[in-house]
Amino acid sequence: MGTKTRRRFSDQIRELVTGSEYSCYTICKQTGIDKGAMSHFLAGHRGLSLESLDLLADFLDLQVVVCSEQRKAR
């Protein structure tokens, strides 16, 4: 059985934001997230606050799904 490398949650969020149909400007304007904070986050220089992540998840209609296999292994 091989080990599977998990991608970091923040990297997954970055991919979802950059792959969405919305521009960074539109996301920031609609959510109220500071454009500078979002730019730093997308560049991998900083994280986002939990409040900003909540706003982003609501805007992009994201949800967290727990993989049962990984949960059982712990």
N, C-alpha and C. Protein backbone atom coordinates (compact mmCIF):
# COMPACT_ATOMS: atom_id res chain seq x y z
N MET A 1 0.84 -1.17 0.00
CA MET A 1 0.00 0.00 0.00
C MET A 1 0.89 1.24 0.00
N GLY A 2 0.77 2.09 -1.01
CA GLY A 2 1.59 3.29 -1.12
C GLY A 2 1.04 4.43 -0.29
N THR A 3 1.90 5.35 0.04
CA THR A 3 1.45 6.52 0.79
C THR A 3 1.04 7.60 -0.19
N LYS A 4 0.01 8.29 0.14
CA LYS A 4 -0.51 9.35 -0.70
C LYS A 4 -0.13 10.69 -0.09
N THR A 5 0.46 11.56 -0.87
CA THR A 5 0.84 12.87 -0.38
C THR A 5 -0.38 13.78 -0.44
N ARG A 6 -0.71 14.36 0.69
CA ARG A 6 -1.82 15.30 0.75
C ARG A 6 -1.35 16.69 0.38
N ARG A 7 -2.16 17.36 -0.42
CA ARG A 7 -1.86 18.77 -0.71
C ARG A 7 -2.35 19.61 0.46
N ARG A 8 -1.61 20.64 0.74
CA ARG A 8 -2.00 21.54 1.83
C ARG A 8 -3.35 22.18 1.52
N PHE A 9 -4.12 22.40 2.56
CA PHE A 9 -5.44 23.01 2.41
C PHE A 9 -5.33 24.38 1.74
N SER A 10 -4.36 25.17 2.16
CA SER A 10 -4.20 26.51 1.57
C SER A 10 -3.88 26.43 0.08
N ASP A 11 -3.11 25.44 -0.33
CA ASP A 11 -2.82 25.26 -1.76
C ASP A 11 -4.07 24.89 -2.54
N GLN A 12 -4.91 24.06 -1.94
CA GLN A 12 -6.16 23.69 -2.59
C GLN A 12 -7.07 24.91 -2.75
N ILE A 13 -7.12 25.76 -1.73
CA ILE A 13 -7.93 26.98 -1.81
C ILE A 13 -7.38 27.91 -2.90
N ARG A 14 -6.07 28.06 -2.95
CA ARG A 14 -5.46 28.90 -3.99
C ARG A 14 -5.86 28.42 -5.39
N GLU A 15 -5.79 27.11 -5.60
CA GLU A 15 -6.15 26.54 -6.90
C GLU A 15 -7.62 26.80 -7.23
N LEU A 16 -8.48 26.70 -6.24
CA LEU A 16 -9.90 26.95 -6.47
C LEU A 16 -10.16 28.42 -6.81
N VAL A 17 -9.46 29.31 -6.13
CA VAL A 17 -9.64 30.74 -6.41
C VAL A 17 -9.13 31.08 -7.81
N THR A 18 -7.92 30.65 -8.12
CA THR A 18 -7.34 31.00 -9.43
C THR A 18 -8.06 30.27 -10.57
N GLY A 19 -8.66 29.13 -10.29
CA GLY A 19 -9.37 28.38 -11.31
C GLY A 19 -10.84 28.76 -11.44
N SER A 20 -11.30 29.66 -10.59
CA SER A 20 -12.71 30.05 -10.64
C SER A 20 -12.96 30.97 -11.83
N GLU A 21 -14.22 31.20 -12.10
CA GLU A 21 -14.60 32.07 -13.21
C GLU A 21 -14.48 33.55 -12.85
N TYR A 22 -14.13 33.84 -11.60
CA TYR A 22 -14.08 35.22 -11.12
C TYR A 22 -12.65 35.72 -11.04
N SER A 23 -12.48 37.00 -11.32
CA SER A 23 -11.16 37.62 -11.17
C SER A 23 -10.90 37.87 -9.70
N CYS A 24 -9.65 38.06 -9.36
CA CYS A 24 -9.28 38.38 -7.98
C CYS A 24 -9.98 39.67 -7.56
N TYR A 25 -10.04 40.64 -8.45
CA TYR A 25 -10.71 41.91 -8.16
C TYR A 25 -12.18 41.68 -7.81
N THR A 26 -12.87 40.88 -8.61
CA THR A 26 -14.29 40.63 -8.38
C THR A 26 -14.51 39.91 -7.05
N ILE A 27 -13.69 38.91 -6.77
CA ILE A 27 -13.82 38.18 -5.51
C ILE A 27 -13.63 39.12 -4.33
N CYS A 28 -12.60 39.95 -4.40
CA CYS A 28 -12.33 40.89 -3.30
C CYS A 28 -13.45 41.91 -3.15
N LYS A 29 -13.92 42.43 -4.26
CA LYS A 29 -14.99 43.42 -4.20
C LYS A 29 -16.27 42.83 -3.63
N GLN A 30 -16.63 41.62 -4.04
CA GLN A 30 -17.87 40.99 -3.59
C GLN A 30 -17.80 40.48 -2.14
N THR A 31 -16.62 40.09 -1.70
CA THR A 31 -16.47 39.52 -0.35
C THR A 31 -16.01 40.53 0.69
N GLY A 32 -15.37 41.59 0.24
CA GLY A 32 -14.80 42.56 1.17
C GLY A 32 -13.40 42.19 1.64
N ILE A 33 -12.84 41.12 1.07
CA ILE A 33 -11.46 40.73 1.42
C ILE A 33 -10.51 41.74 0.80
N ASP A 34 -9.55 42.19 1.58
CA ASP A 34 -8.56 43.16 1.11
C ASP A 34 -7.78 42.59 -0.07
N LYS A 35 -7.65 43.37 -1.13
CA LYS A 35 -6.97 42.90 -2.35
C LYS A 35 -5.51 42.58 -2.07
N GLY A 36 -4.86 43.36 -1.25
CA GLY A 36 -3.47 43.10 -0.89
C GLY A 36 -3.31 41.78 -0.15
N ALA A 37 -4.23 41.53 0.79
CA ALA A 37 -4.20 40.27 1.54
C ALA A 37 -4.41 39.09 0.60
N MET A 38 -5.36 39.24 -0.34
CA MET A 38 -5.63 38.16 -1.29
C MET A 38 -4.43 37.94 -2.21
N SER A 39 -3.80 38.99 -2.66
CA SER A 39 -2.63 38.87 -3.53
C SER A 39 -1.49 38.15 -2.82
N HIS A 40 -1.25 38.50 -1.56
CA HIS A 40 -0.21 37.83 -0.78
C HIS A 40 -0.55 36.36 -0.57
N PHE A 41 -1.83 36.08 -0.33
CA PHE A 41 -2.26 34.70 -0.14
C PHE A 41 -2.05 33.90 -1.42
N LEU A 42 -2.50 34.44 -2.54
CA LEU A 42 -2.38 33.72 -3.81
C LEU A 42 -0.93 33.50 -4.22
N ALA A 43 -0.05 34.40 -3.81
CA ALA A 43 1.39 34.25 -4.10
C ALA A 43 2.07 33.29 -3.13
N GLY A 44 1.36 32.88 -2.09
CA GLY A 44 1.93 31.95 -1.11
C GLY A 44 2.76 32.62 -0.05
N HIS A 45 2.66 33.95 0.06
CA HIS A 45 3.46 34.68 1.04
C HIS A 45 2.81 34.76 2.42
N ARG A 46 1.49 34.70 2.46
CA ARG A 46 0.75 34.81 3.72
C ARG A 46 -0.49 33.94 3.67
N GLY A 47 -1.06 33.74 4.83
CA GLY A 47 -2.33 33.05 4.91
C GLY A 47 -3.47 34.05 4.94
N LEU A 48 -4.68 33.55 4.96
CA LEU A 48 -5.86 34.40 5.12
C LEU A 48 -6.44 34.13 6.51
N SER A 49 -7.12 35.11 7.04
CA SER A 49 -7.78 34.93 8.33
C SER A 49 -8.94 33.95 8.16
N LEU A 50 -9.38 33.37 9.26
CA LEU A 50 -10.53 32.47 9.22
C LEU A 50 -11.77 33.21 8.71
N GLU A 51 -11.91 34.45 9.09
CA GLU A 51 -13.04 35.25 8.62
C GLU A 51 -13.00 35.39 7.10
N SER A 52 -11.81 35.67 6.55
CA SER A 52 -11.67 35.80 5.10
C SER A 52 -11.92 34.46 4.40
N LEU A 53 -11.44 33.38 5.01
CA LEU A 53 -11.69 32.05 4.44
C LEU A 53 -13.18 31.73 4.43
N ASP A 54 -13.90 32.12 5.49
CA ASP A 54 -15.35 31.93 5.53
C ASP A 54 -16.03 32.71 4.40
N LEU A 55 -15.63 33.96 4.21
CA LEU A 55 -16.21 34.79 3.15
C LEU A 55 -15.93 34.18 1.78
N LEU A 56 -14.72 33.72 1.60
CA LEU A 56 -14.31 33.11 0.34
C LEU A 56 -15.09 31.82 0.08
N ALA A 57 -15.23 31.00 1.09
CA ALA A 57 -15.97 29.75 0.96
C ALA A 57 -17.44 30.01 0.63
N ASP A 58 -18.02 31.00 1.26
CA ASP A 58 -19.41 31.35 0.97
C ASP A 58 -19.55 31.84 -0.47
N PHE A 59 -18.65 32.70 -0.90
CA PHE A 59 -18.72 33.27 -2.24
C PHE A 59 -18.55 32.20 -3.32
N LEU A 60 -17.60 31.30 -3.12
CA LEU A 60 -17.32 30.26 -4.12
C LEU A 60 -18.14 28.99 -3.89
N ASP A 61 -18.98 29.01 -2.86
CA ASP A 61 -19.83 27.86 -2.51
C ASP A 61 -18.98 26.61 -2.26
N LEU A 62 -17.97 26.76 -1.38
CA LEU A 62 -17.06 25.67 -1.06
C LEU A 62 -17.49 24.99 0.23
N GLN A 63 -17.15 23.73 0.34
CA GLN A 63 -17.35 23.00 1.59
C GLN A 63 -16.20 22.03 1.78
N VAL A 64 -15.95 21.67 3.02
CA VAL A 64 -14.88 20.73 3.36
C VAL A 64 -15.49 19.33 3.39
N VAL A 65 -14.80 18.39 2.75
CA VAL A 65 -15.24 17.01 2.75
C VAL A 65 -14.12 16.19 3.40
N VAL A 66 -14.47 15.41 4.41
CA VAL A 66 -13.51 14.57 5.10
C VAL A 66 -13.50 13.21 4.43
N CYS A 67 -12.32 12.76 4.03
CA CYS A 67 -12.17 11.45 3.41
C CYS A 67 -12.17 10.40 4.50
N SER A 68 -13.10 9.47 4.45
CA SER A 68 -13.26 8.49 5.52
C SER A 68 -12.05 7.57 5.66
N GLU A 69 -11.36 7.26 4.57
CA GLU A 69 -10.18 6.38 4.66
C GLU A 69 -9.10 6.99 5.52
N GLN A 70 -8.84 8.27 5.34
CA GLN A 70 -7.81 8.95 6.11
C GLN A 70 -8.22 9.07 7.57
N ARG A 71 -9.48 9.25 7.82
CA ARG A 71 -9.97 9.38 9.18
C ARG A 71 -9.82 8.08 9.95
N LYS A 72 -10.11 6.96 9.29
CA LYS A 72 -10.02 5.66 9.95
C LYS A 72 -8.58 5.27 10.27
N ALA A 73 -7.64 5.75 9.44
CA ALA A 73 -6.24 5.39 9.61
C ALA A 73 -5.64 6.02 10.86
N ARG A 74 -6.23 7.03 11.38
CA ARG A 74 -5.65 7.74 12.54
C ARG A 74 -6.12 7.14 13.77
